[in-house]
Structure formats: structure tokens, C-alpha cells
C-alpha atoms as a PDB file:
ATOM      1  CA  MET A   1     -27.963  25.898  26.664  1.00  0.00           C
ATOM      2  CA  LYS A   2     -25.596  23.165  27.858  1.00  0.00           C
ATOM      3  CA  PHE A   3     -27.483  20.678  25.673  1.00  0.00           C
ATOM      4  CA  ASN A   4     -26.972  22.826  22.562  1.00  0.00           C
ATOM      5  CA  ILE A   5     -23.291  23.405  23.306  1.00  0.00           C
ATOM      6  CA  PHE A   6     -22.764  19.651  23.690  1.00  0.00           C
ATOM      7  CA  TYR A   7     -24.166  18.932  20.242  1.00  0.00           C
ATOM      8  CA  LEU A   8     -22.259  21.839  18.746  1.00  0.00           C
ATOM      9  CA  LEU A   9     -19.016  20.327  20.033  1.00  0.00           C
ATOM     10  CA  ILE A  10     -19.942  16.931  18.597  1.00  0.00           C
ATOM     11  CA  PHE A  11     -20.684  18.573  15.241  1.00  0.00           C
ATOM     12  CA  LEU A  12     -17.337  20.361  15.198  1.00  0.00           C
ATOM     13  CA  MET A  13     -15.454  17.192  16.137  1.00  0.00           C
ATOM     14  CA  VAL A  14     -17.093  15.122  13.389  1.00  0.00           C
ATOM     15  CA  PHE A  15     -16.824  17.630  10.592  1.00  0.00           C
ATOM     16  CA  GLY A  16     -13.479  18.962  11.722  1.00  0.00           C
ATOM     17  CA  SER A  17     -12.018  15.463  11.434  1.00  0.00           C
ATOM     18  CA  ALA A  18     -13.304  15.276   7.846  1.00  0.00           C
ATOM     19  CA  LYS A  19     -10.990  18.091   6.801  1.00  0.00           C
ATOM     20  CA  SER A  20      -9.778  17.720   3.254  1.00  0.00           C
ATOM     21  CA  GLN A  21      -6.405  18.639   1.803  1.00  0.00           C
ATOM     22  CA  GLN A  22      -5.531  19.606  -1.735  1.00  0.00           C
ATOM     23  CA  LEU A  23      -2.718  17.634  -3.336  1.00  0.00           C
ATOM     24  CA  ASN A  24      -1.113  18.431  -6.690  1.00  0.00           C
ATOM     25  CA  VAL A  25       0.358  15.394  -8.428  1.00  0.00           C
ATOM     26  CA  MET A  26       2.254  15.054 -11.701  1.00  0.00           C
ATOM     27  CA  THR A  27       3.653  12.212 -13.784  1.00  0.00           C
ATOM     28  CA  TYR A  28       6.394  12.968 -16.298  1.00  0.00           C
ATOM     29  CA  ASN A  29       8.364  10.762 -18.667  1.00  0.00           C
ATOM     30  CA  VAL A  30      11.437  12.991 -18.912  1.00  0.00           C
ATOM     31  CA  ARG A  31      13.049  11.040 -21.783  1.00  0.00           C
ATOM     32  CA  LEU A  32      16.380   9.400 -21.031  1.00  0.00           C
ATOM     33  CA  ASP A  33      19.614  11.256 -21.629  1.00  0.00           C
ATOM     34  CA  ILE A  34      20.861   9.931 -24.975  1.00  0.00           C
ATOM     35  CA  ALA A  35      23.218  11.734 -27.338  1.00  0.00           C
ATOM     36  CA  SER A  36      21.420  10.482 -30.464  1.00  0.00           C
ATOM     37  CA  ASP A  37      18.532  12.849 -29.633  1.00  0.00           C
ATOM     38  CA  GLY A  38      20.733  15.608 -31.051  1.00  0.00           C
ATOM     39  CA  GLU A  39      19.182  19.020 -30.485  1.00  0.00           C
ATOM     40  CA  ASN A  40      16.592  17.377 -28.213  1.00  0.00           C
ATOM     41  CA  ALA A  41      19.210  15.754 -25.983  1.00  0.00           C
ATOM     42  CA  TRP A  42      18.990  16.317 -22.218  1.00  0.00           C
ATOM     43  CA  PRO A  43      21.661  19.057 -21.893  1.00  0.00           C
ATOM     44  CA  TYR A  44      19.623  21.304 -24.217  1.00  0.00           C
ATOM     45  CA  ARG A  45      16.281  20.838 -22.443  1.00  0.00           C
ATOM     46  CA  LYS A  46      17.002  20.104 -18.787  1.00  0.00           C
ATOM     47  CA  ASP A  47      16.674  23.751 -17.697  1.00  0.00           C
ATOM     48  CA  PHE A  48      13.351  24.094 -19.530  1.00  0.00           C
ATOM     49  CA  LEU A  49      12.008  20.888 -18.006  1.00  0.00           C
ATOM     50  CA  SER A  50      13.208  21.776 -14.504  1.00  0.00           C
ATOM     51  CA  SER A  51      11.717  25.263 -14.641  1.00  0.00           C
ATOM     52  CA  GLN A  52       8.416  23.837 -15.888  1.00  0.00           C
ATOM     53  CA  ILE A  53       8.249  21.539 -12.858  1.00  0.00           C
ATOM     54  CA  MET A  54       9.168  24.365 -10.484  1.00  0.00           C
ATOM     55  CA  PHE A  55       6.453  26.590 -11.960  1.00  0.00           C
ATOM     56  CA  LEU A  56       3.762  23.917 -11.629  1.00  0.00           C
ATOM     57  CA  GLU A  57       4.935  22.986  -8.112  1.00  0.00           C
ATOM     58  CA  PRO A  58       3.553  19.450  -7.835  1.00  0.00           C
ATOM     59  CA  ASP A  59       3.500  18.151  -4.291  1.00  0.00           C
ATOM     60  CA  ILE A  60       4.330  14.699  -5.651  1.00  0.00           C
ATOM     61  CA  LEU A  61       6.081  14.042  -8.963  1.00  0.00           C
ATOM     62  CA  GLY A  62       6.598  10.638 -10.559  1.00  0.00           C
ATOM     63  CA  VAL A  63       9.271  10.504 -13.269  1.00  0.00           C
ATOM     64  CA  GLN A  64      10.095   7.817 -15.800  1.00  0.00           C
ATOM     65  CA  GLU A  65      13.257   7.122 -17.842  1.00  0.00           C
ATOM     66  CA  ALA A  66      15.404   9.290 -15.558  1.00  0.00           C
ATOM     67  CA  ARG A  67      19.019   8.164 -15.702  1.00  0.00           C
ATOM     68  CA  PRO A  68      21.294   8.792 -12.675  1.00  0.00           C
ATOM     69  CA  ASN A  69      22.603  12.126 -13.985  1.00  0.00           C
ATOM     70  CA  GLN A  70      19.049  13.259 -14.698  1.00  0.00           C
ATOM     71  CA  VAL A  71      17.927  12.273 -11.206  1.00  0.00           C
ATOM     72  CA  LYS A  72      20.857  14.334  -9.869  1.00  0.00           C
ATOM     73  CA  ASP A  73      20.091  17.334 -12.100  1.00  0.00           C
ATOM     74  CA  LEU A  74      16.468  17.381 -10.962  1.00  0.00           C
ATOM     75  CA  LYS A  75      17.476  17.016  -7.301  1.00  0.00           C
ATOM     76  CA  GLU A  76      19.698  20.076  -7.656  1.00  0.00           C
ATOM     77  CA  ALA A  77      16.980  22.100  -9.368  1.00  0.00           C
ATOM     78  CA  LEU A  78      14.090  21.086  -7.108  1.00  0.00           C
ATOM     79  CA  LYS A  79      15.485  22.470  -3.846  1.00  0.00           C
ATOM     80  CA  ASP A  80      12.542  21.650  -1.588  1.00  0.00           C
ATOM     81  CA  TYR A  81      12.090  18.115  -2.921  1.00  0.00           C
ATOM     82  CA  LYS A  82      13.394  14.761  -1.800  1.00  0.00           C
ATOM     83  CA  PHE A  83      13.559  11.611  -3.924  1.00  0.00           C
ATOM     84  CA  ILE A  84      12.813   7.910  -3.508  1.00  0.00           C
ATOM     85  CA  GLY A  85      13.529   5.116  -5.960  1.00  0.00           C
ATOM     86  CA  GLU A  86      16.127   2.733  -7.361  1.00  0.00           C
ATOM     87  CA  GLY A  87      17.282   2.383 -10.947  1.00  0.00           C
ATOM     88  CA  ARG A  88      16.222  -0.634 -12.946  1.00  0.00           C
ATOM     89  CA  ASP A  89      19.833  -1.877 -13.012  1.00  0.00           C
ATOM     90  CA  GLY A  90      19.986  -1.815  -9.204  1.00  0.00           C
ATOM     91  CA  GLY A  91      20.935   0.858  -6.687  1.00  0.00           C
ATOM     92  CA  GLN A  92      21.040   4.160  -8.533  1.00  0.00           C
ATOM     93  CA  GLU A  93      22.047   2.607 -11.862  1.00  0.00           C
ATOM     94  CA  GLY A  94      19.938   2.702 -15.000  1.00  0.00           C
ATOM     95  CA  GLU A  95      16.623   4.371 -15.677  1.00  0.00           C
ATOM     96  CA  HIS A  96      14.450   5.276 -12.695  1.00  0.00           C
ATOM     97  CA  ALA A  97      10.708   5.347 -12.175  1.00  0.00           C
ATOM     98  CA  GLY A  98      11.174   7.350  -8.993  1.00  0.00           C
ATOM     99  CA  ILE A  99       9.170   9.827  -6.965  1.00  0.00           C
ATOM    100  CA  TYR A 100      10.031  13.388  -5.909  1.00  0.00           C
ATOM    101  CA  TYR A 101       8.015  14.926  -3.089  1.00  0.00           C
ATOM    102  CA  ASN A 102       7.878  18.393  -1.547  1.00  0.00           C
ATOM    103  CA  SER A 103       9.493  17.848   1.842  1.00  0.00           C
ATOM    104  CA  LYS A 104       7.969  21.045   3.241  1.00  0.00           C
ATOM    105  CA  LYS A 105       4.497  19.561   2.877  1.00  0.00           C
ATOM    106  CA  ILE A 106       5.030  15.803   2.916  1.00  0.00           C
ATOM    107  CA  THR A 107       7.044  13.166   4.749  1.00  0.00           C
ATOM    108  CA  VAL A 108       7.727   9.614   3.636  1.00  0.00           C
ATOM    109  CA  GLU A 109       7.062   6.731   6.031  1.00  0.00           C
ATOM    110  CA  GLN A 110       7.973   3.807   3.800  1.00  0.00           C
ATOM    111  CA  ALA A 111       9.609   3.467   0.379  1.00  0.00           C
ATOM    112  CA  HIS A 112      10.555   0.587  -1.887  1.00  0.00           C
ATOM    113  CA  THR A 113      11.326  -0.326  -5.494  1.00  0.00           C
ATOM    114  CA  PHE A 114      10.504  -3.719  -6.971  1.00  0.00           C
ATOM    115  CA  TRP A 115      10.985  -5.282 -10.402  1.00  0.00           C
ATOM    116  CA  LEU A 116       8.104  -6.251 -12.661  1.00  0.00           C
ATOM    117  CA  SER A 117       8.952  -9.912 -13.001  1.00  0.00           C
ATOM    118  CA  ASN A 118       8.544 -13.292 -11.327  1.00  0.00           C
ATOM    119  CA  ALA A 119      11.438 -12.285  -9.035  1.00  0.00           C
ATOM    120  CA  PRO A 120      10.373  -8.770  -7.960  1.00  0.00           C
ATOM    121  CA  GLU A 121      12.976  -8.360  -5.216  1.00  0.00           C
ATOM    122  CA  THR A 122      15.942  -8.966  -7.525  1.00  0.00           C
ATOM    123  CA  ILE A 123      17.228  -7.166 -10.619  1.00  0.00           C
ATOM    124  CA  SER A 124      15.301  -8.975 -13.329  1.00  0.00           C
ATOM    125  CA  LYS A 125      13.420  -8.738 -16.604  1.00  0.00           C
ATOM    126  CA  GLY A 126       9.896 -10.110 -16.709  1.00  0.00           C
ATOM    127  CA  TRP A 127       8.035 -12.206 -19.294  1.00  0.00           C
ATOM    128  CA  ASP A 128       8.362 -10.795 -22.857  1.00  0.00           C
ATOM    129  CA  ALA A 129       9.668  -7.372 -21.804  1.00  0.00           C
ATOM    130  CA  ALA A 130      12.382  -5.712 -23.852  1.00  0.00           C
ATOM    131  CA  TYR A 131      13.979  -4.217 -20.725  1.00  0.00           C
ATOM    132  CA  PRO A 132      13.850  -4.623 -16.947  1.00  0.00           C
ATOM    133  CA  ARG A 133      10.973  -2.574 -15.535  1.00  0.00           C
ATOM    134  CA  VAL A 134      10.404  -1.329 -11.997  1.00  0.00           C
ATOM    135  CA  CYS A 135       7.745   0.185  -9.771  1.00  0.00           C
ATOM    136  CA  THR A 136       8.592   2.569  -6.942  1.00  0.00           C
ATOM    137  CA  TYR A 137       6.144   3.250  -4.151  1.00  0.00           C
ATOM    138  CA  GLY A 138       5.979   5.335  -1.025  1.00  0.00           C
ATOM    139  CA  LEU A 139       3.682   5.712   1.948  1.00  0.00           C
ATOM    140  CA  PHE A 140       3.470   9.464   2.482  1.00  0.00           C
ATOM    141  CA  THR A 141       2.037  11.624   5.257  1.00  0.00           C
ATOM    142  CA  LEU A 142       0.515  14.986   4.355  1.00  0.00           C
ATOM    143  CA  LYS A 143       1.732  17.333   7.079  1.00  0.00           C
ATOM    144  CA  GLU A 144      -1.263  19.653   7.059  1.00  0.00           C
ATOM    145  CA  SER A 145      -3.867  16.971   7.726  1.00  0.00           C
ATOM    146  CA  ASN A 146      -1.677  14.075   8.914  1.00  0.00           C
ATOM    147  CA  GLN A 147      -3.393  11.971   6.235  1.00  0.00           C
ATOM    148  CA  LYS A 148      -1.452   9.001   4.902  1.00  0.00           C
ATOM    149  CA  ILE A 149      -1.501   8.121   1.208  1.00  0.00           C
ATOM    150  CA  TRP A 150       0.152   5.478  -0.953  1.00  0.00           C
ATOM    151  CA  VAL A 151       1.766   6.523  -4.239  1.00  0.00           C
ATOM    152  CA  PHE A 152       2.957   4.035  -6.890  1.00  0.00           C
ATOM    153  CA  ASN A 153       4.916   5.071  -9.982  1.00  0.00           C
ATOM    154  CA  THR A 154       5.920   2.810 -12.872  1.00  0.00           C
ATOM    155  CA  HIS A 155       6.947   2.575 -16.518  1.00  0.00           C
ATOM    156  CA  LEU A 156       5.524  -0.470 -18.267  1.00  0.00           C
ATOM    157  CA  ASP A 157       7.328  -2.122 -21.148  1.00  0.00           C
ATOM    158  CA  HIS A 158       6.829  -0.687 -24.628  1.00  0.00           C
ATOM    159  CA  VAL A 159       7.044  -4.057 -26.440  1.00  0.00           C
ATOM    160  CA  GLY A 160       5.911  -6.974 -24.295  1.00  0.00           C
ATOM    161  CA  THR A 161       2.141  -7.155 -23.999  1.00  0.00           C
ATOM    162  CA  ILE A 162       2.394 -10.038 -21.546  1.00  0.00           C
ATOM    163  CA  ALA A 163       4.887  -8.030 -19.493  1.00  0.00           C
ATOM    164  CA  GLN A 164       2.509  -5.078 -19.458  1.00  0.00           C
ATOM    165  CA  LYS A 165      -0.397  -7.175 -18.201  1.00  0.00           C
ATOM    166  CA  GLU A 166       1.570  -9.265 -15.711  1.00  0.00           C
ATOM    167  CA  GLY A 167       3.501  -6.239 -14.488  1.00  0.00           C
ATOM    168  CA  MET A 168       0.324  -4.324 -13.752  1.00  0.00           C
ATOM    169  CA  THR A 169      -1.244  -7.381 -12.134  1.00  0.00           C
ATOM    170  CA  LEU A 170       1.785  -7.536  -9.832  1.00  0.00           C
ATOM    171  CA  ILE A 171       1.448  -3.829  -8.969  1.00  0.00           C
ATOM    172  CA  LEU A 172      -2.266  -4.115  -8.183  1.00  0.00           C
ATOM    173  CA  LYS A 173      -1.552  -7.159  -6.010  1.00  0.00           C
ATOM    174  CA  GLU A 174       1.143  -5.227  -4.152  1.00  0.00           C
ATOM    175  CA  ILE A 175      -1.255  -2.336  -3.553  1.00  0.00           C
ATOM    176  CA  LYS A 176      -3.836  -4.725  -2.092  1.00  0.00           C
ATOM    177  CA  ASN A 177      -1.276  -6.449   0.136  1.00  0.00           C
ATOM    178  CA  LEU A 178       0.208  -3.209   1.453  1.00  0.00           C
ATOM    179  CA  ASN A 179      -2.912  -1.118   1.878  1.00  0.00           C
ATOM    180  CA  THR A 180      -4.452  -2.996   4.777  1.00  0.00           C
ATOM    181  CA  GLN A 181      -5.652   0.250   6.380  1.00  0.00           C
ATOM    182  CA  GLN A 182      -7.459   1.410   3.244  1.00  0.00           C
ATOM    183  CA  PHE A 183      -5.528   4.646   2.786  1.00  0.00           C
ATOM    184  CA  PRO A 184      -6.058   6.618  -0.450  1.00  0.00           C
ATOM    185  CA  VAL A 185      -3.912   5.356  -3.356  1.00  0.00           C
ATOM    186  CA  ILE A 186      -2.421   7.007  -6.441  1.00  0.00           C
ATOM    187  CA  LEU A 187      -1.038   4.884  -9.278  1.00  0.00           C
ATOM    188  CA  MET A 188       0.717   6.754 -12.058  1.00  0.00           C
ATOM    189  CA  GLY A 189       3.236   6.493 -14.841  1.00  0.00           C
ATOM    190  CA  ASP A 190       3.861   5.700 -18.473  1.00  0.00           C
ATOM    191  CA  PHE A 191       1.757   2.600 -19.120  1.00  0.00           C
ATOM    192  CA  ASN A 192       2.589   2.477 -22.857  1.00  0.00           C
ATOM    193  CA  VAL A 193      -1.015   1.640 -23.787  1.00  0.00           C
ATOM    194  CA  GLU A 194      -3.977   3.747 -24.876  1.00  0.00           C
ATOM    195  CA  PRO A 195      -7.299   4.147 -23.014  1.00  0.00           C
ATOM    196  CA  ASP A 196      -9.198   1.547 -25.061  1.00  0.00           C
ATOM    197  CA  SER A 197      -6.735  -1.226 -24.164  1.00  0.00           C
ATOM    198  CA  GLU A 198      -7.578  -4.262 -22.067  1.00  0.00           C
ATOM    199  CA  LEU A 199      -4.884  -3.225 -19.591  1.00  0.00           C
ATOM    200  CA  ILE A 200      -6.617   0.061 -18.777  1.00  0.00           C
ATOM    201  CA  SER A 201      -9.884  -1.825 -18.287  1.00  0.00           C
ATOM    202  CA  VAL A 202      -8.133  -4.064 -15.760  1.00  0.00           C
ATOM    203  CA  ILE A 203      -6.814  -1.056 -13.826  1.00  0.00           C
ATOM    204  CA  MET A 204     -10.188   0.694 -13.889  1.00  0.00           C
ATOM    205  CA  SER A 205     -11.855  -2.310 -12.303  1.00  0.00           C
ATOM    206  CA  LYS A 206      -9.843  -1.349  -9.200  1.00  0.00           C
ATOM    207  CA  MET A 207      -9.214   2.396  -9.573  1.00  0.00           C
ATOM    208  CA  LYS A 208     -10.454   5.529 -11.340  1.00  0.00           C
ATOM    209  CA  ASP A 209      -8.934   7.357 -14.308  1.00  0.00           C
ATOM    210  CA  SER A 210      -8.270  10.921 -13.111  1.00  0.00           C
ATOM    211  CA  LYS A 211      -9.138  12.367 -16.509  1.00  0.00           C
ATOM    212  CA  GLU A 212     -12.552  10.726 -16.515  1.00  0.00           C
ATOM    213  CA  GLU A 213     -13.226  11.882 -12.955  1.00  0.00           C
ATOM    214  CA  ALA A 214     -11.956  15.463 -13.235  1.00  0.00           C
ATOM    215  CA  GLU A 215     -14.305  18.401 -12.838  1.00  0.00           C
ATOM    216  CA  VAL A 216     -12.087  20.461 -15.169  1.00  0.00           C
ATOM    217  CA  VAL A 217      -9.992  19.041 -18.042  1.00  0.00           C
ATOM    218  CA  PHE A 218      -7.370  21.048 -19.911  1.00  0.00           C
ATOM    219  CA  GLY A 219      -4.864  20.374 -22.704  1.00  0.00           C
ATOM    220  CA  PRO A 220      -4.430  17.938 -25.585  1.00  0.00           C
ATOM    221  CA  GLU A 221      -5.723  14.387 -25.612  1.00  0.00           C
ATOM    222  CA  GLY A 222      -2.334  12.837 -26.248  1.00  0.00           C
ATOM    223  CA  THR A 223       0.659  12.692 -23.933  1.00  0.00           C
ATOM    224  CA  SER A 224       3.413  11.263 -26.168  1.00  0.00           C
ATOM    225  CA  ASN A 225       4.764  13.779 -28.684  1.00  0.00           C
ATOM    226  CA  ALA A 226       8.002  12.100 -29.911  1.00  0.00           C
ATOM    227  CA  PHE A 227       9.502  15.642 -30.152  1.00  0.00           C
ATOM    228  CA  LYS A 228       7.359  16.224 -33.277  1.00  0.00           C
ATOM    229  CA  TYR A 229       6.216  19.809 -32.894  1.00  0.00           C
ATOM    230  CA  ASN A 230       4.289  20.022 -36.179  1.00  0.00           C
ATOM    231  CA  GLU A 231       2.191  16.881 -35.756  1.00  0.00           C
ATOM    232  CA  PRO A 232      -1.005  16.370 -33.726  1.00  0.00           C
ATOM    233  CA  VAL A 233      -0.483  14.631 -30.384  1.00  0.00           C
ATOM    234  CA  THR A 234      -3.238  12.046 -29.963  1.00  0.00           C
ATOM    235  CA  ARG A 235      -1.566   9.061 -28.284  1.00  0.00           C
ATOM    236  CA  ARG A 236      -2.452   9.021 -24.596  1.00  0.00           C
ATOM    237  CA  ILE A 237      -0.202   6.599 -22.692  1.00  0.00           C
ATOM    238  CA  ASP A 238       0.587   8.472 -19.440  1.00  0.00           C
ATOM    239  CA  TYR A 239      -1.900   8.197 -16.574  1.00  0.00           C
ATOM    240  CA  ILE A 240      -2.737   9.100 -13.017  1.00  0.00           C
ATOM    241  CA  MET A 241      -5.168   6.638 -11.450  1.00  0.00           C
ATOM    242  CA  VAL A 242      -6.779   7.209  -8.050  1.00  0.00           C
ATOM    243  CA  SER A 243      -8.726   5.236  -5.471  1.00  0.00           C
ATOM    244  CA  ASP A 244     -12.323   5.947  -4.519  1.00  0.00           C
ATOM    245  CA  GLN A 245     -11.454   8.187  -1.557  1.00  0.00           C
ATOM    246  CA  ILE A 246      -9.902  10.803  -3.842  1.00  0.00           C
ATOM    247  CA  ARG A 247     -11.791  13.597  -5.586  1.00  0.00           C
ATOM    248  CA  VAL A 248     -10.249  14.865  -8.834  1.00  0.00           C
ATOM    249  CA  LYS A 249     -10.794  18.597  -9.174  1.00  0.00           C
ATOM    250  CA  LYS A 250      -8.587  19.333 -12.189  1.00  0.00           C
ATOM    251  CA  TYR A 251      -6.724  17.341 -14.862  1.00  0.00           C
ATOM    252  CA  ALA A 252      -4.273  18.837 -17.335  1.00  0.00           C
ATOM    253  CA  VAL A 253      -1.780  17.842 -20.002  1.00  0.00           C
ATOM    254  CA  PHE A 254       0.728  20.652 -20.526  1.00  0.00           C
ATOM    255  CA  SER A 255       2.128  20.984 -24.059  1.00  0.00           C
ATOM    256  CA  SER A 256       4.499  23.887 -23.360  1.00  0.00           C
ATOM    257  CA  SER A 257       7.234  24.637 -25.894  1.00  0.00           C
ATOM    258  CA  ILE A 258      10.007  27.160 -26.482  1.00  0.00           C
ATOM    259  CA  ASP A 259      11.178  27.969 -30.012  1.00  0.00           C
ATOM    260  CA  PHE A 260       9.259  24.943 -31.355  1.00  0.00           C
ATOM    261  CA  LYS A 261      10.987  22.597 -28.914  1.00  0.00           C
ATOM    262  CA  PHE A 262       9.400  20.465 -26.196  1.00  0.00           C
ATOM    263  CA  PRO A 263      11.126  19.745 -22.861  1.00  0.00           C
ATOM    264  CA  SER A 264      10.535  15.991 -23.336  1.00  0.00           C
ATOM    265  CA  ASP A 265       9.072  13.523 -25.820  1.00  0.00           C
ATOM    266  CA  HIS A 266       6.123  13.210 -23.409  1.00  0.00           C
ATOM    267  CA  PHE A 267       3.897  15.884 -21.931  1.00  0.00           C
ATOM    268  CA  PRO A 268       3.463  16.002 -18.160  1.00  0.00           C
ATOM    269  CA  VAL A 269       0.096  14.946 -16.765  1.00  0.00           C
ATOM    270  CA  TYR A 270      -0.968  17.099 -13.813  1.00  0.00           C
ATOM    271  CA  VAL A 271      -3.905  16.706 -11.442  1.00  0.00           C
ATOM    272  CA  GLN A 272      -5.326  18.682  -8.560  1.00  0.00           C
ATOM    273  CA  LEU A 273      -6.763  16.259  -6.026  1.00  0.00           C
ATOM    274  CA  GLU A 274      -8.743  16.584  -2.845  1.00  0.00           C
ATOM    275  CA  ILE A 275      -7.921  14.076  -0.138  1.00  0.00           C
ATOM    276  CA  THR A 276     -10.489  13.747   2.628  1.00  0.00           C
ATOM    277  CA  LYS A 277      -9.240  12.641   6.037  1.00  0.00           C
END
């Protein structure tokens, strides 16, 4: 009897330590606040976009193009969330590629923003980019399982192909340098390229495309709608990439609208992940 109890305890210790935790993650290009958008400008859609996020309740949310007032508006709406990230013009100035996280479920251990350029620790524009571009990352701890996970969020340039490639190379190098303990990694954002591009092939040599790995896929193929309600959305440029330790249970692109209006010129990409400790 003692022999059997001993092995039962060993079994429980081994499999108990392999406890997995579900994590819901979303990336969302919220479209910058610019008056020339007219009826699609931020003041007319911010409540819709905020309520959409609150309904979906991502544990981690990466946003792109968020100007300081938009970061503030989302902070006020998302009561249980905290935010990490700097603007591309330094401090809280300019567009952000920042990360919101549900502080009831997650804590942040380390956070940083760097520029996609040859001088990543200073405000700078890299290679042939039209604008300065940044990447924000955090090392998070999931409270339920005490599992640590790295999350990187970025917005690659929409013009400079060299900047796209070199920027992503810099991000992948940073992931390798930081992740010495081989924690799970999520890399997400608006990459401004489609799945058949060389850039996506480079990323997928290191990570997995959540859409390709998902057990369930829902929603349209495209993620960039340009506020055009009556046209098919086929251009997929927003991604959530994951490391090998992460199982992708569900992948969705949500094309919600009200009165023929979208909350942004991009659709949010949402995944349900399983992280094994």
C-alpha cells in the first residue's frame, strides 16, 4: 500500500506541475485619431471600439496607432487593465504600439519599448521607413499558474520594405537575447505584409502563425478594411505569432459593425491560447 501511495504522489506532482492555463490575446490597429477621417474619426467610434474590447475581454491586448488621447480613452474604459509602452516620438508622445493587460489575472515583471532602427534605444527612424516605428514588450506572469510569458507588439512600416525586414530581424534578435529561460513567446501586431511575403516566411522559421495552428478558425480572411463596408476584406496584415510551447485553440477575426460603420479600419485578431507550465 505504501508503495502504491508513493507512486501516486509522484504522479500527482508531475502532472500537477504540467497544469495549463488559457490565455485570450488580441491585436488591434485602432486607427489613429485624425479629423480627416470625418464620420469615421475617433470621437464617433471610440465607444464602439471600447465596448467591443470589453465584451471580448482579452487578457492581453496589443494596440497599434494609438495616439496619447486614445491611450487615455482606452485606459479609462478598460477599468481592470494596465498599460505598458512609449510613443514613437518618445515618452507618451506620438503613436503607440503598446500593450494592455488584465491586472486581475496578470502582472508585469519587465517592460520596454525600443525603436526599429540602427539606434533602437533612441528616438529614431530606421532604413527606408516613412515613419519611426517601435516595438513594445513585456515579461508577464500569469497569476493562476505563475507561468511567465514574453509578449512583443509592433507596427511595421507601411512603405519601407527594407525597414520591414530589418525591423523584424531586430525584434527576433531581441526575443532570442531576452528569452534565455525559454519562456513561451507571443509576437503580434500590424506587420503591413500579407501571408505569402518573404517577411512572414522569416518569422515562421522561428515561430508559428496562430491562424495556421488553430483548432477552430472564425471570421473573414482579411484584417484591413479601410472603413469600406461594401467591399470584400481580403488583405490579411495583422498577426499573432506564437512559440512552440503554445497551443492555439481558437483564432478569430471579428468584423463587427453598427449602422454600416466599423470601429476601426482594421479588424481585431483574437486568439484563445493554452499555455502549459
